[in-house]
C-alpha atoms as a PDB file:
ATOM      1  CA  UNK A   1     -28.756 -11.236  -9.375  1.00  0.00           C
ATOM      2  CA  UNK A   2     -25.675  -9.253 -10.984  1.00  0.00           C
ATOM      3  CA  UNK A   3     -24.684  -6.147  -9.643  1.00  0.00           C
ATOM      4  CA  UNK A   4     -22.469  -3.926 -12.035  1.00  0.00           C
ATOM      5  CA  UNK A   5     -19.715  -1.405 -10.643  1.00  0.00           C
ATOM      6  CA  UNK A   6     -18.555   1.136 -13.288  1.00  0.00           C
ATOM      7  CA  UNK A   7     -14.781   0.545 -12.957  1.00  0.00           C
ATOM      8  CA  UNK A   8     -13.262   3.316 -15.239  1.00  0.00           C
ATOM      9  CA  UNK A   9     -11.924   5.293 -12.312  1.00  0.00           C
ATOM     10  CA  UNK A  10     -12.551   5.904  -8.424  1.00  0.00           C
ATOM     11  CA  UNK A  11     -13.459   3.834  -5.497  1.00  0.00           C
ATOM     12  CA  UNK A  12     -14.052   0.868  -7.293  1.00  0.00           C
ATOM     13  CA  UNK A  13     -12.772  -1.753  -4.981  1.00  0.00           C
ATOM     14  CA  UNK A  14     -14.441   0.033  -1.987  1.00  0.00           C
ATOM     15  CA  UNK A  15     -17.924  -0.049  -3.365  1.00  0.00           C
ATOM     16  CA  UNK A  16     -17.398  -3.880  -4.394  1.00  0.00           C
ATOM     17  CA  UNK A  17     -16.471  -4.537  -0.676  1.00  0.00           C
ATOM     18  CA  UNK A  18     -19.243  -2.539   0.774  1.00  0.00           C
ATOM     19  CA  UNK A  19     -21.885  -4.286  -1.631  1.00  0.00           C
ATOM     20  CA  UNK A  20     -20.374  -7.732  -0.374  1.00  0.00           C
ATOM     21  CA  UNK A  21     -20.782  -6.456   2.978  1.00  0.00           C
ATOM     22  CA  UNK A  22     -24.076  -5.392   2.909  1.00  0.00           C
ATOM     23  CA  UNK A  23     -25.065  -8.768   0.899  1.00  0.00           C
ATOM     24  CA  UNK A  24     -23.956 -10.675   3.725  1.00  0.00           C
ATOM     25  CA  UNK A  25     -25.594  -8.669   6.284  1.00  0.00           C
ATOM     26  CA  UNK A  26     -28.924  -9.252   4.689  1.00  0.00           C
ATOM     27  CA  UNK A  27     -28.091 -13.112   3.927  1.00  0.00           C
ATOM     28  CA  UNK A  28     -28.238 -12.488   0.464  1.00  0.00           C
ATOM     29  CA  UNK A  29     -26.043 -13.421  -2.600  1.00  0.00           C
ATOM     30  CA  UNK A  30     -25.322 -11.651  -5.979  1.00  0.00           C
ATOM     31  CA  UNK A  31     -22.478 -11.427  -8.455  1.00  0.00           C
ATOM     32  CA  UNK A  32     -20.514  -8.438  -8.468  1.00  0.00           C
ATOM     33  CA  UNK A  33     -18.988  -7.400 -11.864  1.00  0.00           C
ATOM     34  CA  UNK A  34     -16.650  -4.454 -12.314  1.00  0.00           C
ATOM     35  CA  UNK A  35     -17.421  -2.770 -15.790  1.00  0.00           C
ATOM     36  CA  UNK A  36     -14.800  -1.182 -18.023  1.00  0.00           C
ATOM     37  CA  UNK A  37     -16.083  -1.911 -21.364  1.00  0.00           C
ATOM     38  CA  UNK A  38     -19.494  -1.990 -23.084  1.00  0.00           C
ATOM     39  CA  UNK A  39     -21.371  -5.065 -23.421  1.00  0.00           C
ATOM     40  CA  UNK A  40     -21.606  -5.948 -19.598  1.00  0.00           C
ATOM     41  CA  UNK A  41     -24.156  -3.103 -18.440  1.00  0.00           C
ATOM     42  CA  UNK A  42     -27.041  -4.647 -20.028  1.00  0.00           C
ATOM     43  CA  UNK A  43     -26.563  -8.180 -18.014  1.00  0.00           C
ATOM     44  CA  UNK A  44     -26.697  -6.341 -14.536  1.00  0.00           C
ATOM     45  CA  UNK A  45     -29.763  -6.088 -12.223  1.00  0.00           C
ATOM     46  CA  UNK A  46     -28.101  -2.743 -10.618  1.00  0.00           C
ATOM     47  CA  UNK A  47     -25.513  -0.544 -11.356  1.00  0.00           C
ATOM     48  CA  UNK A  48     -23.231   1.568  -9.083  1.00  0.00           C
ATOM     49  CA  UNK A  49     -21.599   4.541 -10.361  1.00  0.00           C
ATOM     50  CA  UNK A  50     -18.515   5.516  -7.930  1.00  0.00           C
ATOM     51  CA  UNK A  51     -16.751   8.673  -7.314  1.00  0.00           C
ATOM     52  CA  UNK A  52     -13.641   9.861  -9.100  1.00  0.00           C
ATOM     53  CA  UNK A  53     -12.857  12.714 -11.542  1.00  0.00           C
ATOM     54  CA  UNK A  54     -16.240  13.517 -13.304  1.00  0.00           C
ATOM     55  CA  UNK A  55     -14.781  15.036 -16.453  1.00  0.00           C
ATOM     56  CA  UNK A  56     -12.621  12.025 -17.069  1.00  0.00           C
ATOM     57  CA  UNK A  57     -15.116   9.588 -16.021  1.00  0.00           C
ATOM     58  CA  UNK A  58     -17.726  10.994 -18.343  1.00  0.00           C
ATOM     59  CA  UNK A  59     -15.280  10.979 -21.265  1.00  0.00           C
ATOM     60  CA  UNK A  60     -14.180   7.453 -20.834  1.00  0.00           C
ATOM     61  CA  UNK A  61     -17.672   6.108 -20.307  1.00  0.00           C
ATOM     62  CA  UNK A  62     -18.711   8.050 -23.631  1.00  0.00           C
ATOM     63  CA  UNK A  63     -15.639   6.553 -25.575  1.00  0.00           C
ATOM     64  CA  UNK A  64     -16.447   2.973 -24.311  1.00  0.00           C
ATOM     65  CA  UNK A  65     -19.906   3.452 -25.267  1.00  0.00           C
ATOM     66  CA  UNK A  66     -21.052   2.464 -21.789  1.00  0.00           C
ATOM     67  CA  UNK A  67     -22.840   5.867 -21.413  1.00  0.00           C
ATOM     68  CA  UNK A  68     -25.871   4.673 -23.929  1.00  0.00           C
ATOM     69  CA  UNK A  69     -25.893   1.344 -21.895  1.00  0.00           C
ATOM     70  CA  UNK A  70     -26.477   3.088 -18.691  1.00  0.00           C
ATOM     71  CA  UNK A  71     -29.366   5.249 -20.432  1.00  0.00           C
ATOM     72  CA  UNK A  72     -31.122   2.146 -21.617  1.00  0.00           C
ATOM     73  CA  UNK A  73     -30.722   0.442 -18.037  1.00  0.00           C
ATOM     74  CA  UNK A  74     -32.426   3.464 -16.327  1.00  0.00           C
ATOM     75  CA  UNK A  75     -35.111   3.343 -18.924  1.00  0.00           C
ATOM     76  CA  UNK A  76     -35.539  -0.237 -18.142  1.00  0.00           C
ATOM     77  CA  UNK A  77     -35.954   0.363 -14.495  1.00  0.00           C
ATOM     78  CA  UNK A  78     -32.683  -0.954 -13.400  1.00  0.00           C
ATOM     79  CA  UNK A  79     -31.639   0.474  -9.910  1.00  0.00           C
ATOM     80  CA  UNK A  80     -28.841   2.915 -10.317  1.00  0.00           C
ATOM     81  CA  UNK A  81     -26.642   4.720  -7.439  1.00  0.00           C
ATOM     82  CA  UNK A  82     -24.316   7.527  -8.158  1.00  0.00           C
ATOM     83  CA  UNK A  83     -21.857   8.674  -5.543  1.00  0.00           C
ATOM     84  CA  UNK A  84     -19.862  11.812  -5.668  1.00  0.00           C
ATOM     85  CA  UNK A  85     -18.889  12.157  -9.355  1.00  0.00           C
ATOM     86  CA  UNK A  86     -21.561   9.507  -9.991  1.00  0.00           C
ATOM     87  CA  UNK A  87     -24.044  12.077  -8.837  1.00  0.00           C
ATOM     88  CA  UNK A  88     -22.659  14.561 -11.246  1.00  0.00           C
ATOM     89  CA  UNK A  89     -22.928  12.190 -14.207  1.00  0.00           C
ATOM     90  CA  UNK A  90     -26.677  11.252 -13.508  1.00  0.00           C
ATOM     91  CA  UNK A  91     -27.455  15.310 -13.720  1.00  0.00           C
ATOM     92  CA  UNK A  92     -29.414  16.718 -16.519  1.00  0.00           C
ATOM     93  CA  UNK A  93     -27.505  20.036 -16.293  1.00  0.00           C
ATOM     94  CA  UNK A  94     -24.443  21.582 -14.571  1.00  0.00           C
ATOM     95  CA  UNK A  95     -23.099  24.731 -13.241  1.00  0.00           C
ATOM     96  CA  UNK A  96     -20.701  27.078 -15.445  1.00  0.00           C
ATOM     97  CA  UNK A  97     -17.660  24.770 -14.539  1.00  0.00           C
ATOM     98  CA  UNK A  98     -19.485  21.775 -15.987  1.00  0.00           C
ATOM     99  CA  UNK A  99     -20.351  23.757 -18.875  1.00  0.00           C
ATOM    100  CA  UNK A 100     -16.653  25.238 -19.510  1.00  0.00           C
ATOM    101  CA  UNK A 101     -15.287  21.778 -19.418  1.00  0.00           C
ATOM    102  CA  UNK A 102     -18.186  20.322 -21.654  1.00  0.00           C
ATOM    103  CA  UNK A 103     -18.594  17.710 -19.104  1.00  0.00           C
ATOM    104  CA  UNK A 104     -20.468  14.729 -20.488  1.00  0.00           C
ATOM    105  CA  UNK A 105     -23.548  14.349 -18.196  1.00  0.00           C
ATOM    106  CA  UNK A 106     -26.219  11.277 -18.548  1.00  0.00           C
ATOM    107  CA  UNK A 107     -29.418  12.999 -17.827  1.00  0.00           C
ATOM    108  CA  UNK A 108     -30.711  10.314 -15.855  1.00  0.00           C
ATOM    109  CA  UNK A 109     -32.268  12.758 -13.161  1.00  0.00           C
ATOM    110  CA  UNK A 110     -34.021  15.938 -13.421  1.00  0.00           C
ATOM    111  CA  UNK A 111     -31.343  17.782 -11.408  1.00  0.00           C
ATOM    112  CA  UNK A 112     -28.654  20.508 -11.782  1.00  0.00           C
ATOM    113  CA  UNK A 113     -25.478  20.313 -10.155  1.00  0.00           C
ATOM    114  CA  UNK A 114     -22.515  22.372  -8.745  1.00  0.00           C
ATOM    115  CA  UNK A 115     -19.493  20.356  -9.175  1.00  0.00           C
ATOM    116  CA  UNK A 116     -17.637  21.629  -6.348  1.00  0.00           C
ATOM    117  CA  UNK A 117     -20.127  22.841  -4.009  1.00  0.00           C
ATOM    118  CA  UNK A 118     -18.316  22.901  -0.918  1.00  0.00           C
ATOM    119  CA  UNK A 119     -15.414  24.952  -2.054  1.00  0.00           C
ATOM    120  CA  UNK A 120     -11.622  24.354  -1.540  1.00  0.00           C
ATOM    121  CA  UNK A 121     -11.784  25.028   2.304  1.00  0.00           C
ATOM    122  CA  UNK A 122     -14.213  22.203   2.772  1.00  0.00           C
ATOM    123  CA  UNK A 123     -12.303  19.749   0.368  1.00  0.00           C
ATOM    124  CA  UNK A 124     -12.958  16.980   2.874  1.00  0.00           C
ATOM    125  CA  UNK A 125     -15.285  16.670   5.868  1.00  0.00           C
ATOM    126  CA  UNK A 126     -17.646  14.138   7.926  1.00  0.00           C
ATOM    127  CA  UNK A 127     -20.911  15.225   8.989  1.00  0.00           C
ATOM    128  CA  UNK A 128     -23.734  13.524  10.927  1.00  0.00           C
ATOM    129  CA  UNK A 129     -26.287  13.550   8.293  1.00  0.00           C
ATOM    130  CA  UNK A 130     -29.779  13.159   8.458  1.00  0.00           C
ATOM    131  CA  UNK A 131     -31.277  11.058   5.614  1.00  0.00           C
ATOM    132  CA  UNK A 132     -34.716  10.806   5.161  1.00  0.00           C
ATOM    133  CA  UNK A 133     -34.995   6.946   4.848  1.00  0.00           C
ATOM    134  CA  UNK A 134     -32.840   6.426   7.949  1.00  0.00           C
ATOM    135  CA  UNK A 135     -34.043   6.541  11.732  1.00  0.00           C
ATOM    136  CA  UNK A 136     -30.564   8.161  13.031  1.00  0.00           C
ATOM    137  CA  UNK A 137     -27.971  10.425  11.490  1.00  0.00           C
ATOM    138  CA  UNK A 138     -25.447   8.714   9.087  1.00  0.00           C
ATOM    139  CA  UNK A 139     -21.590   9.424   9.321  1.00  0.00           C
ATOM    140  CA  UNK A 140     -21.328  10.808   5.553  1.00  0.00           C
ATOM    141  CA  UNK A 141     -17.680  11.435   4.266  1.00  0.00           C
ATOM    142  CA  UNK A 142     -17.627  14.214   1.834  1.00  0.00           C
ATOM    143  CA  UNK A 143     -14.406  14.774  -0.430  1.00  0.00           C
ATOM    144  CA  UNK A 144     -14.497  17.769  -2.870  1.00  0.00           C
ATOM    145  CA  UNK A 145     -18.132  17.210  -2.925  1.00  0.00           C
ATOM    146  CA  UNK A 146     -20.889  18.280  -5.440  1.00  0.00           C
ATOM    147  CA  UNK A 147     -24.385  19.343  -4.465  1.00  0.00           C
ATOM    148  CA  UNK A 148     -27.515  19.440  -6.422  1.00  0.00           C
ATOM    149  CA  UNK A 149     -28.650  22.981  -6.961  1.00  0.00           C
ATOM    150  CA  UNK A 150     -31.988  22.555  -8.583  1.00  0.00           C
ATOM    151  CA  UNK A 151     -34.148  19.491  -8.675  1.00  0.00           C
ATOM    152  CA  UNK A 152     -37.363  18.690 -10.626  1.00  0.00           C
ATOM    153  CA  UNK A 153     -40.713  18.131  -9.796  1.00  0.00           C
ATOM    154  CA  UNK A 154     -39.951  14.266  -9.737  1.00  0.00           C
ATOM    155  CA  UNK A 155     -37.128  14.343  -7.535  1.00  0.00           C
ATOM    156  CA  UNK A 156     -37.140  13.230  -3.827  1.00  0.00           C
ATOM    157  CA  UNK A 157     -34.733  15.030  -1.631  1.00  0.00           C
ATOM    158  CA  UNK A 158     -33.262  12.734   0.771  1.00  0.00           C
ATOM    159  CA  UNK A 159     -30.773  14.985   2.572  1.00  0.00           C
ATOM    160  CA  UNK A 160     -29.437  18.564   2.418  1.00  0.00           C
ATOM    161  CA  UNK A 161     -26.877  20.788   4.198  1.00  0.00           C
ATOM    162  CA  UNK A 162     -27.292  24.343   4.486  1.00  0.00           C
ATOM    163  CA  UNK A 163     -29.753  24.489   1.860  1.00  0.00           C
ATOM    164  CA  UNK A 164     -27.419  22.270  -0.681  1.00  0.00           C
ATOM    165  CA  UNK A 165     -29.146  19.034  -1.539  1.00  0.00           C
ATOM    166  CA  UNK A 166     -26.575  16.199  -0.915  1.00  0.00           C
ATOM    167  CA  UNK A 167     -28.778  13.162  -1.646  1.00  0.00           C
ATOM    168  CA  UNK A 168     -31.734  12.597  -3.700  1.00  0.00           C
ATOM    169  CA  UNK A 169     -33.763   9.986  -5.713  1.00  0.00           C
ATOM    170  CA  UNK A 170     -35.826   9.919  -8.825  1.00  0.00           C
ATOM    171  CA  UNK A 171     -37.537   6.675  -9.915  1.00  0.00           C
ATOM    172  CA  UNK A 172     -34.965   4.010 -10.257  1.00  0.00           C
ATOM    173  CA  UNK A 173     -31.782   6.276  -9.749  1.00  0.00           C
ATOM    174  CA  UNK A 174     -30.221   7.160  -6.380  1.00  0.00           C
ATOM    175  CA  UNK A 175     -27.742  10.035  -5.822  1.00  0.00           C
ATOM    176  CA  UNK A 176     -25.229  10.780  -3.211  1.00  0.00           C
ATOM    177  CA  UNK A 177     -22.689  13.947  -2.950  1.00  0.00           C
ATOM    178  CA  UNK A 178     -20.835  11.591  -0.018  1.00  0.00           C
ATOM    179  CA  UNK A 179     -19.036   8.382  -0.280  1.00  0.00           C
ATOM    180  CA  UNK A 180     -20.868   5.648   1.537  1.00  0.00           C
ATOM    181  CA  UNK A 181     -18.316   3.212   0.388  1.00  0.00           C
ATOM    182  CA  UNK A 182     -15.805   4.655   3.018  1.00  0.00           C
ATOM    183  CA  UNK A 183     -17.999   4.087   6.013  1.00  0.00           C
ATOM    184  CA  UNK A 184     -18.458   0.873   8.100  1.00  0.00           C
ATOM    185  CA  UNK A 185     -22.289   1.883   8.363  1.00  0.00           C
ATOM    186  CA  UNK A 186     -23.933  -0.246   5.094  1.00  0.00           C
ATOM    187  CA  UNK A 187     -27.343   1.586   5.675  1.00  0.00           C
ATOM    188  CA  UNK A 188     -27.034   3.415   2.165  1.00  0.00           C
ATOM    189  CA  UNK A 189     -26.041   0.394   0.458  1.00  0.00           C
ATOM    190  CA  UNK A 190     -28.627  -1.421   1.946  1.00  0.00           C
ATOM    191  CA  UNK A 191     -31.267   1.038   0.714  1.00  0.00           C
ATOM    192  CA  UNK A 192     -29.880   0.204  -2.775  1.00  0.00           C
ATOM    193  CA  UNK A 193     -30.051  -3.415  -2.387  1.00  0.00           C
ATOM    194  CA  UNK A 194     -33.775  -2.825  -1.238  1.00  0.00           C
ATOM    195  CA  UNK A 195     -34.433  -1.626  -4.736  1.00  0.00           C
ATOM    196  CA  UNK A 196     -33.141  -5.178  -6.307  1.00  0.00           C
ATOM    197  CA  UNK A 197     -34.280  -7.501  -3.527  1.00  0.00           C
ATOM    198  CA  UNK A 198     -37.956  -5.849  -3.226  1.00  0.00           C
END
């Protein structure tokens, strides 16, 4: 079992540590690799797309040729989890801000995103979030977070705040607007690992 973390930018080491902890919790083992260049994505059984600056991330994965590999992985049914900027990049369409900056999107999910949905006044906040696959609230950390503004028929909404979708799932792709790697609660990473081990 091999899990790849896209390591162009963002909370890469935090995701690696969270995956290691989540694997240890379930008594499972997997090799975790960081991905900066093309050629590694096709060797992975699961992929994590961390946060960061989405325009930069999109441009760099395009330049490195990783974008095509991620799309191929999606088509092959490889589990993929995107968090914060990773959520933005999974989208099929974006708001005017995304269009204005010619943001490169991967189109892995039938969703439309607002890149800075919670505005400057809420650049960072934590909230006890009800997520459909959990039996108690999750302490979700939002940092200049995006949100899903439209979701297609095949998209399962997992969590919302004030009508804004902040967690969703479609086929083998998971998208979270918050940062599960910045909390000690491993349940979101466990949900992702369930896709690999079940």
